[in-house]
Amino acid sequence: MKNIGMQGFIILIIFLFFVVLPGLTDKEVINIIPKFLIESNKIILGVIHINSLVFIGLTAIILYFSIDKDIKKAKYLHSNQKSGLLEAQKVFEQFFENNIKLEELVFKSKSNKTIEKVIKIINYGGIEEDLVLGLDKIFNEISSKYIKLKNDYEYIATIMPIVGMVGTIAGLLTMFAVPSEVDDFGSKFSGLSVALATTLYASMITILIFKPKARNVEEWIVNLEEDYSYIEIAIKQFYHKVDITELNYLLTKEVHDVETKE
């Protein structure tokens, strides 16, 4: 998570604007509150409370976008059809099965870091153990991003019900603050509607969005661990089959072509 202090400040402002202000009963204060906030501070169709929905929805969006973009790229590094780990496995297997030539594999390395890393290690005289260590580094990079992403989703899933409870407490306090002599039941129970709605919406967002996302990332981690053994086999097969002399020639030719263009 990033900018925790800033996101907390923004959520506080949203809370004051959509939950606290519409619940105030002082006439002098009511006159300066935007009319739309007062009109939307009521239940519609039995379950829709606009102010509470906006408060919880914006809070969820802020928390979601506070997750580092770099961490979200983990899935891209793992299974992207062009540059992912699974694509590298597919390419090495195709070469081993004589479905593509070494020249095509070298060309694909321009858009796939795993293939590029393996080729460089072999070109620099690396042995099989060096290839495994290189694969371990890529695997650990993706795995650590997955774990951080899962932790962030679980953090948000934990925070959202607490945010809902804050709205609940604010709503109850608002309800109790209404003078007892007021006969308008709408004014008396508007705070209760806020209290119930914020808890409802926060719980729904947690159950329907963030908990499933955390579960999905957990499945990605399991899949990554399973894929590791297959990519390791594919790289070893490539290492034992590739002609080092030909690989050296293609890489040298590629560098020469780039220098010529420049």
Protein backbone atom coordinates (compact mmCIF):
# COMPACT_ATOMS: atom_id res chain seq x y z
CA MET A 1 0.00 0.00 0.00
CA LYS A 2 1.19 3.55 -0.67
CA ASN A 3 0.37 7.03 0.69
CA ILE A 4 -1.53 5.62 3.68
CA GLY A 5 -1.65 9.02 5.41
CA MET A 6 -3.04 10.74 2.31
CA GLN A 7 -5.64 8.06 1.64
CA GLY A 8 -6.76 8.25 5.29
CA PHE A 9 -7.14 12.03 5.01
CA ILE A 10 -9.20 11.76 1.80
CA ILE A 11 -11.46 9.07 3.31
CA LEU A 12 -11.99 11.30 6.36
CA ILE A 13 -13.07 14.19 4.12
CA ILE A 14 -15.49 11.93 2.25
CA PHE A 15 -16.84 10.64 5.58
CA LEU A 16 -17.47 14.16 6.88
CA PHE A 17 -19.03 15.31 3.61
CA PHE A 18 -21.37 12.36 2.91
CA VAL A 19 -22.09 10.98 6.39
CA VAL A 20 -21.62 13.65 9.06
CA LEU A 21 -22.82 16.84 7.33
CA PRO A 22 -26.15 15.47 6.01
CA GLY A 23 -27.02 14.23 9.51
CA LEU A 24 -26.65 17.59 11.26
CA THR A 25 -29.91 19.09 12.56
CA ASP A 26 -28.86 22.61 13.53
CA LYS A 27 -30.83 25.01 11.29
CA GLU A 28 -27.90 27.36 10.79
CA VAL A 29 -25.73 24.48 9.64
CA ILE A 30 -28.45 22.99 7.42
CA ASN A 31 -28.62 26.22 5.42
CA ILE A 32 -25.01 25.87 4.27
CA ILE A 33 -25.21 22.12 3.44
CA PRO A 34 -25.65 21.41 -0.29
CA LYS A 35 -29.28 20.52 -0.98
CA PHE A 36 -28.43 17.33 -2.86
CA LEU A 37 -26.69 15.91 0.25
CA ILE A 38 -29.84 16.33 2.33
CA GLU A 39 -32.10 14.91 -0.38
CA SER A 40 -29.88 11.86 -0.86
CA ASN A 41 -29.72 11.17 2.89
CA LYS A 42 -32.65 8.74 2.83
CA ILE A 43 -33.47 5.17 1.86
CA ILE A 44 -34.68 4.54 -1.70
CA LEU A 45 -36.32 1.28 -2.83
CA GLY A 46 -35.79 -0.21 0.60
CA VAL A 47 -32.03 -0.81 0.39
CA ILE A 48 -30.42 2.14 -1.44
CA HIS A 49 -28.99 4.97 0.63
CA ILE A 50 -27.09 7.19 -1.79
CA ASN A 51 -24.83 9.03 0.68
CA SER A 52 -23.75 5.79 2.35
CA LEU A 53 -23.23 4.11 -1.03
CA VAL A 54 -21.05 6.98 -2.25
CA PHE A 55 -19.02 7.02 0.99
CA ILE A 56 -18.36 3.26 0.98
CA GLY A 57 -17.87 3.10 -2.79
CA LEU A 58 -15.32 5.94 -2.91
CA THR A 59 -13.49 4.47 0.08
CA ALA A 60 -13.21 1.10 -1.69
CA ILE A 61 -11.94 2.78 -4.87
CA ILE A 62 -9.32 4.80 -2.96
CA LEU A 63 -8.06 1.71 -1.14
CA TYR A 64 -7.95 -0.31 -4.37
CA PHE A 65 -5.91 2.28 -6.25
CA SER A 66 -3.53 2.62 -3.30
CA ILE A 67 -2.10 -0.80 -4.23
CA ASP A 68 1.25 -0.39 -6.03
CA LYS A 69 0.90 -0.76 -9.80
CA ASP A 70 4.15 -2.72 -9.88
CA ILE A 71 2.62 -5.44 -7.68
CA LYS A 72 -0.41 -5.71 -9.98
CA LYS A 73 1.95 -6.59 -12.87
CA ALA A 74 2.69 -9.97 -11.29
CA LYS A 75 -0.01 -11.74 -13.28
CA TYR A 76 1.33 -10.13 -16.46
CA LEU A 77 4.83 -11.45 -15.74
CA HIS A 78 3.43 -14.89 -15.06
CA SER A 79 0.99 -15.61 -17.87
CA ASN A 80 1.05 -12.87 -20.49
CA GLN A 81 0.75 -14.46 -23.95
CA LYS A 82 3.81 -12.67 -25.26
CA SER A 83 6.17 -11.88 -22.40
CA GLY A 84 5.07 -14.13 -19.54
CA LEU A 85 6.73 -17.09 -17.88
CA LEU A 86 4.26 -19.54 -19.42
CA GLU A 87 5.00 -18.20 -22.91
CA ALA A 88 8.72 -18.85 -22.32
CA GLN A 89 7.93 -22.43 -21.37
CA LYS A 90 5.87 -22.85 -24.53
CA VAL A 91 8.66 -21.46 -26.74
CA PHE A 92 11.35 -23.71 -25.20
CA GLU A 93 9.08 -26.74 -25.62
CA GLN A 94 8.42 -25.82 -29.26
CA PHE A 95 12.16 -25.61 -29.91
CA PHE A 96 12.79 -28.95 -28.22
CA GLU A 97 10.06 -30.55 -30.36
CA ASN A 98 11.53 -28.97 -33.54
CA ASN A 99 8.45 -26.80 -34.10
CA ILE A 100 10.49 -23.58 -34.24
CA LYS A 101 14.08 -22.80 -35.18
CA LEU A 102 16.68 -21.24 -32.91
CA GLU A 103 16.57 -18.03 -34.92
CA GLU A 104 12.85 -17.63 -34.16
CA LEU A 105 13.47 -18.36 -30.48
CA VAL A 106 16.15 -15.64 -30.35
CA PHE A 107 13.71 -13.23 -32.00
CA LYS A 108 11.05 -14.03 -29.36
CA SER A 109 13.57 -13.25 -26.61
CA LYS A 110 13.25 -9.54 -27.48
CA SER A 111 9.77 -9.50 -25.94
CA ASN A 112 10.24 -12.13 -23.23
CA LYS A 113 12.62 -11.52 -20.31
CA THR A 114 12.72 -15.17 -19.27
CA ILE A 115 13.89 -16.34 -22.72
CA GLU A 116 16.32 -13.43 -22.90
CA LYS A 117 17.80 -14.28 -19.48
CA VAL A 118 18.23 -17.98 -20.34
CA ILE A 119 19.94 -17.15 -23.65
CA LYS A 120 22.30 -14.70 -21.98
CA ILE A 121 23.30 -17.19 -19.28
CA ILE A 122 24.08 -19.86 -21.90
CA ASN A 123 25.89 -17.36 -24.13
CA TYR A 124 28.10 -16.28 -21.21
CA GLY A 125 29.09 -19.89 -20.56
CA GLY A 126 26.61 -20.67 -17.81
CA ILE A 127 25.84 -24.25 -16.87
CA GLU A 128 22.55 -25.96 -15.98
CA GLU A 129 22.74 -24.88 -12.33
CA ASP A 130 23.13 -21.25 -13.44
CA LEU A 131 19.94 -21.54 -15.48
CA VAL A 132 18.04 -22.88 -12.45
CA LEU A 133 19.33 -19.99 -10.33
CA GLY A 134 18.21 -17.52 -13.00
CA LEU A 135 14.77 -19.15 -13.07
CA ASP A 136 14.62 -19.01 -9.27
CA LYS A 137 15.20 -15.25 -9.39
CA ILE A 138 12.32 -14.73 -11.83
CA PHE A 139 10.08 -17.09 -9.85
CA ASN A 140 10.83 -15.33 -6.55
CA GLU A 141 10.15 -11.92 -8.12
CA ILE A 142 6.68 -13.00 -9.31
CA SER A 143 5.93 -14.93 -6.12
CA SER A 144 6.81 -11.98 -3.87
CA LYS A 145 4.55 -9.69 -5.91
CA TYR A 146 1.70 -12.20 -5.63
CA ILE A 147 2.12 -12.43 -1.86
CA LYS A 148 2.16 -8.63 -1.49
CA LEU A 149 -0.93 -8.33 -3.70
CA LYS A 150 -2.76 -10.99 -1.69
CA ASN A 151 -1.84 -9.23 1.57
CA ASP A 152 -3.08 -5.89 0.20
CA TYR A 153 -6.44 -7.37 -0.83
CA GLU A 154 -6.80 -9.03 2.57
CA TYR A 155 -5.90 -5.73 4.25
CA ILE A 156 -8.66 -3.95 2.31
CA ALA A 157 -11.09 -6.79 3.08
CA THR A 158 -10.29 -6.25 6.78
CA ILE A 159 -10.52 -2.45 6.63
CA MET A 160 -13.84 -2.19 4.75
CA PRO A 161 -16.05 -3.65 7.53
CA ILE A 162 -14.31 -1.32 10.01
CA VAL A 163 -15.12 1.64 7.74
CA GLY A 164 -18.71 0.37 7.68
CA MET A 165 -18.76 0.27 11.49
CA VAL A 166 -17.49 3.87 11.62
CA GLY A 167 -20.46 4.85 9.47
CA THR A 168 -22.73 2.81 11.75
CA ILE A 169 -21.52 4.62 14.88
CA ALA A 170 -21.82 8.01 13.17
CA GLY A 171 -25.36 7.16 12.07
CA LEU A 172 -26.44 6.10 15.55
CA LEU A 173 -24.91 9.21 17.11
CA THR A 174 -26.78 11.31 14.56
CA MET A 175 -30.04 9.57 15.41
CA PHE A 176 -29.59 10.11 19.16
CA ALA A 177 -28.69 13.77 18.52
CA VAL A 178 -32.13 14.53 17.10
CA PRO A 179 -34.16 16.38 19.78
CA SER A 180 -36.81 14.17 21.39
CA GLU A 181 -39.56 16.70 20.72
CA VAL A 182 -39.12 16.41 16.95
CA ASP A 183 -42.10 14.60 15.44
CA ASP A 184 -40.55 14.02 12.01
CA PHE A 185 -39.74 10.30 11.97
CA GLY A 186 -37.69 10.82 8.79
CA SER A 187 -35.31 13.06 10.71
CA LYS A 188 -35.23 10.75 13.71
CA PHE A 189 -34.41 7.61 11.78
CA SER A 190 -32.23 9.00 8.97
CA GLY A 191 -29.24 8.28 11.20
CA LEU A 192 -30.35 4.68 11.62
CA SER A 193 -30.59 4.25 7.86
CA VAL A 194 -27.00 5.51 7.53
CA ALA A 195 -25.88 3.14 10.29
CA LEU A 196 -27.40 0.08 8.62
CA ALA A 197 -26.56 1.03 5.03
CA THR A 198 -22.84 1.67 5.60
CA THR A 199 -22.41 -1.72 7.28
CA LEU A 200 -24.40 -3.43 4.54
CA TYR A 201 -22.47 -1.88 1.64
CA ALA A 202 -19.06 -2.36 3.26
CA SER A 203 -19.84 -6.02 3.94
CA MET A 204 -21.11 -6.58 0.40
CA ILE A 205 -18.02 -5.01 -1.20
CA THR A 206 -15.78 -7.13 1.03
CA ILE A 207 -17.63 -10.37 0.27
CA LEU A 208 -18.20 -9.76 -3.46
CA ILE A 209 -14.94 -8.04 -4.47
CA PHE A 210 -11.94 -8.05 -2.16
CA LYS A 211 -12.24 -11.48 -0.57
CA PRO A 212 -12.61 -13.16 -3.99
CA LYS A 213 -9.65 -11.14 -5.31
CA ALA A 214 -7.48 -12.32 -2.42
CA ARG A 215 -8.62 -15.88 -3.11
CA ASN A 216 -7.79 -15.52 -6.82
CA VAL A 217 -4.25 -14.39 -6.02
CA GLU A 218 -3.87 -17.35 -3.68
CA GLU A 219 -4.77 -19.62 -6.60
CA TRP A 220 -2.24 -17.81 -8.80
CA ILE A 221 0.48 -18.57 -6.23
CA VAL A 222 -0.42 -22.27 -6.31
CA ASN A 223 -0.42 -22.25 -10.13
CA LEU A 224 2.95 -20.50 -10.19
CA GLU A 225 4.47 -23.19 -7.98
CA GLU A 226 3.08 -25.87 -10.31
CA ASP A 227 4.31 -24.05 -13.41
CA TYR A 228 7.83 -23.73 -11.98
CA SER A 229 8.62 -27.42 -12.41
CA TYR A 230 7.41 -27.42 -16.03
CA ILE A 231 9.39 -24.35 -17.02
CA GLU A 232 12.47 -25.79 -15.29
CA ILE A 233 12.18 -28.97 -17.38
CA ALA A 234 11.65 -26.96 -20.57
CA ILE A 235 14.76 -24.84 -19.90
CA LYS A 236 16.90 -27.90 -19.17
CA GLN A 237 15.69 -29.54 -22.40
CA PHE A 238 16.62 -26.40 -24.31
CA TYR A 239 20.05 -26.28 -22.67
CA HIS A 240 20.88 -29.86 -23.66
CA LYS A 241 19.65 -29.47 -27.23
CA VAL A 242 20.76 -25.97 -28.26
CA ASP A 243 23.85 -25.56 -30.42
CA ILE A 244 25.96 -23.04 -28.48
CA THR A 245 27.97 -22.11 -31.57
CA GLU A 246 24.84 -21.33 -33.56
CA LEU A 247 23.37 -19.38 -30.64
CA ASN A 248 26.58 -17.37 -30.35
CA TYR A 249 26.51 -16.61 -34.07
CA LEU A 250 22.88 -15.45 -34.02
CA LEU A 251 23.42 -13.18 -31.03
CA THR A 252 26.61 -11.70 -32.55
CA LYS A 253 24.81 -11.18 -35.86
CA GLU A 254 21.94 -9.48 -34.05
CA VAL A 255 24.29 -7.08 -32.26
CA HIS A 256 26.08 -6.34 -35.54
CA ASP A 257 22.79 -5.61 -37.32
CA VAL A 258 21.77 -3.19 -34.56
CA GLU A 259 25.13 -1.39 -34.73
CA THR A 260 24.88 -1.17 -38.54
CA LYS A 261 21.42 0.46 -38.31
CA GLU A 262 22.73 3.00 -35.83
